Amino acid sequence: MISFFIDLDGQEYQDLLLSVTSDVRSRHPERFQRYFPLGDTHTVLPSPEFYTQTVNGVNLLDWTNAFLANEAGWVDTIE
């Protein structure tokens, strides 16, 4: 778990992550979106789940493609 490295429990880490990224997003909503699934894995990019993971009906692969194409599907997505 990544929270282990900064000596926070899961909820403390989640609260910190959401607080910091909410601040960035409020200042740059057109340039900063989040895709935060629940869980304790560090990254999904090199795994098969990159192609199947869905948060609130938004598939990660589709979200990433929307980011790359600067399309409407690139939205703030938090589970």
C-alpha atoms as a PDB file:
ATOM      1  CA  MET A   1       0.000   0.000   0.000  1.00  0.00           C
ATOM      2  CA  ILE A   2       1.274   3.416  -0.932  1.00  0.00           C
ATOM      3  CA  SER A   3      -0.172   4.964   2.247  1.00  0.00           C
ATOM      4  CA  PHE A   4       2.344   2.878   4.226  1.00  0.00           C
ATOM      5  CA  PHE A   5       5.224   4.954   2.858  1.00  0.00           C
ATOM      6  CA  ILE A   6       3.816   8.187   4.268  1.00  0.00           C
ATOM      7  CA  ASP A   7       2.605   6.647   7.540  1.00  0.00           C
ATOM      8  CA  LEU A   8      -1.121   7.172   7.002  1.00  0.00           C
ATOM      9  CA  ASP A   9      -3.968   4.699   7.258  1.00  0.00           C
ATOM     10  CA  GLY A  10      -6.180   4.155   4.224  1.00  0.00           C
ATOM     11  CA  GLN A  11      -8.812   6.740   5.129  1.00  0.00           C
ATOM     12  CA  GLU A  12      -6.217   9.380   6.066  1.00  0.00           C
ATOM     13  CA  TYR A  13      -4.422   8.815   2.782  1.00  0.00           C
ATOM     14  CA  GLN A  14      -7.666   8.997   0.798  1.00  0.00           C
ATOM     15  CA  ASP A  15      -8.662  12.223   2.548  1.00  0.00           C
ATOM     16  CA  LEU A  16      -5.254  13.779   1.870  1.00  0.00           C
ATOM     17  CA  LEU A  17      -5.241  12.673  -1.765  1.00  0.00           C
ATOM     18  CA  LEU A  18      -8.723  14.055  -2.386  1.00  0.00           C
ATOM     19  CA  SER A  19      -7.941  17.323  -0.595  1.00  0.00           C
ATOM     20  CA  VAL A  20      -4.756  18.016  -2.514  1.00  0.00           C
ATOM     21  CA  THR A  21      -6.128  16.994  -5.891  1.00  0.00           C
ATOM     22  CA  SER A  22      -9.403  18.876  -5.309  1.00  0.00           C
ATOM     23  CA  ASP A  23      -7.380  22.043  -4.831  1.00  0.00           C
ATOM     24  CA  VAL A  24      -5.489  21.498  -8.086  1.00  0.00           C
ATOM     25  CA  ARG A  25      -8.710  20.625  -9.916  1.00  0.00           C
ATOM     26  CA  SER A  26     -10.514  23.743  -8.646  1.00  0.00           C
ATOM     27  CA  ARG A  27      -7.711  25.910 -10.032  1.00  0.00           C
ATOM     28  CA  HIS A  28      -7.395  24.075 -13.372  1.00  0.00           C
ATOM     29  CA  PRO A  29     -10.673  22.266 -14.136  1.00  0.00           C
ATOM     30  CA  GLU A  30     -10.061  22.307 -17.874  1.00  0.00           C
ATOM     31  CA  ARG A  31      -6.612  20.723 -17.485  1.00  0.00           C
ATOM     32  CA  PHE A  32      -6.889  18.344 -14.530  1.00  0.00           C
ATOM     33  CA  GLN A  33      -9.204  15.353 -14.128  1.00  0.00           C
ATOM     34  CA  ARG A  34      -8.890  12.412 -11.749  1.00  0.00           C
ATOM     35  CA  TYR A  35      -9.633   8.714 -12.180  1.00  0.00           C
ATOM     36  CA  PHE A  36      -9.617   7.284  -8.654  1.00  0.00           C
ATOM     37  CA  PRO A  37     -10.933   3.763  -8.083  1.00  0.00           C
ATOM     38  CA  LEU A  38     -11.197   2.408  -4.566  1.00  0.00           C
ATOM     39  CA  GLY A  39      -8.465   0.013  -3.537  1.00  0.00           C
ATOM     40  CA  ASP A  40      -4.879  -0.136  -2.470  1.00  0.00           C
ATOM     41  CA  THR A  41      -3.034  -0.877  -5.704  1.00  0.00           C
ATOM     42  CA  HIS A  42      -0.445   1.630  -6.826  1.00  0.00           C
ATOM     43  CA  THR A  43      -1.034   1.512 -10.573  1.00  0.00           C
ATOM     44  CA  VAL A  44      -3.131  -0.338 -13.086  1.00  0.00           C
ATOM     45  CA  LEU A  45      -1.407   0.792 -16.300  1.00  0.00           C
ATOM     46  CA  PRO A  46       0.798  -2.299 -16.822  1.00  0.00           C
ATOM     47  CA  SER A  47      -1.913  -4.775 -15.844  1.00  0.00           C
ATOM     48  CA  PRO A  48      -4.796  -6.374 -17.769  1.00  0.00           C
ATOM     49  CA  GLU A  49      -7.233  -4.395 -15.574  1.00  0.00           C
ATOM     50  CA  PHE A  50      -6.284  -1.270 -17.544  1.00  0.00           C
ATOM     51  CA  TYR A  51      -8.611  -2.569 -20.267  1.00  0.00           C
ATOM     52  CA  THR A  52     -11.489  -3.618 -18.007  1.00  0.00           C
ATOM     53  CA  GLN A  53     -11.491  -1.347 -14.957  1.00  0.00           C
ATOM     54  CA  THR A  54     -14.619   0.775 -14.581  1.00  0.00           C
ATOM     55  CA  VAL A  55     -15.476   3.460 -12.031  1.00  0.00           C
ATOM     56  CA  ASN A  56     -19.019   4.809 -11.906  1.00  0.00           C
ATOM     57  CA  GLY A  57     -19.668   3.488 -15.401  1.00  0.00           C
ATOM     58  CA  VAL A  58     -16.502   5.063 -16.851  1.00  0.00           C
ATOM     59  CA  ASN A  59     -14.044   2.580 -18.350  1.00  0.00           C
ATOM     60  CA  LEU A  60     -10.382   3.485 -17.745  1.00  0.00           C
ATOM     61  CA  LEU A  61      -9.335   2.744 -21.326  1.00  0.00           C
ATOM     62  CA  ASP A  62     -12.118   4.970 -22.673  1.00  0.00           C
ATOM     63  CA  TRP A  63     -11.229   7.687 -20.139  1.00  0.00           C
ATOM     64  CA  THR A  64      -7.566   7.556 -21.191  1.00  0.00           C
ATOM     65  CA  ASN A  65      -8.457   7.720 -24.888  1.00  0.00           C
ATOM     66  CA  ALA A  66     -10.720  10.711 -24.206  1.00  0.00           C
ATOM     67  CA  PHE A  67      -7.807  12.413 -22.422  1.00  0.00           C
ATOM     68  CA  LEU A  68      -5.465  11.769 -25.338  1.00  0.00           C
ATOM     69  CA  ALA A  69      -8.037  13.041 -27.865  1.00  0.00           C
ATOM     70  CA  ASN A  70      -9.181  15.948 -25.635  1.00  0.00           C
ATOM     71  CA  GLU A  71     -12.758  14.710 -25.855  1.00  0.00           C
ATOM     72  CA  ALA A  72     -15.767  15.089 -23.561  1.00  0.00           C
ATOM     73  CA  GLY A  73     -15.307  11.644 -21.955  1.00  0.00           C
ATOM     74  CA  TRP A  74     -12.279  12.919 -20.020  1.00  0.00           C
ATOM     75  CA  VAL A  75     -14.114  13.731 -16.799  1.00  0.00           C
ATOM     76  CA  ASP A  76     -13.356  13.729 -13.099  1.00  0.00           C
ATOM     77  CA  THR A  77     -14.075  10.145 -11.999  1.00  0.00           C
ATOM     78  CA  ILE A  78     -13.879   9.191  -8.326  1.00  0.00           C
ATOM     79  CA  GLU A  79     -15.208   6.044  -6.692  1.00  0.00           C
END
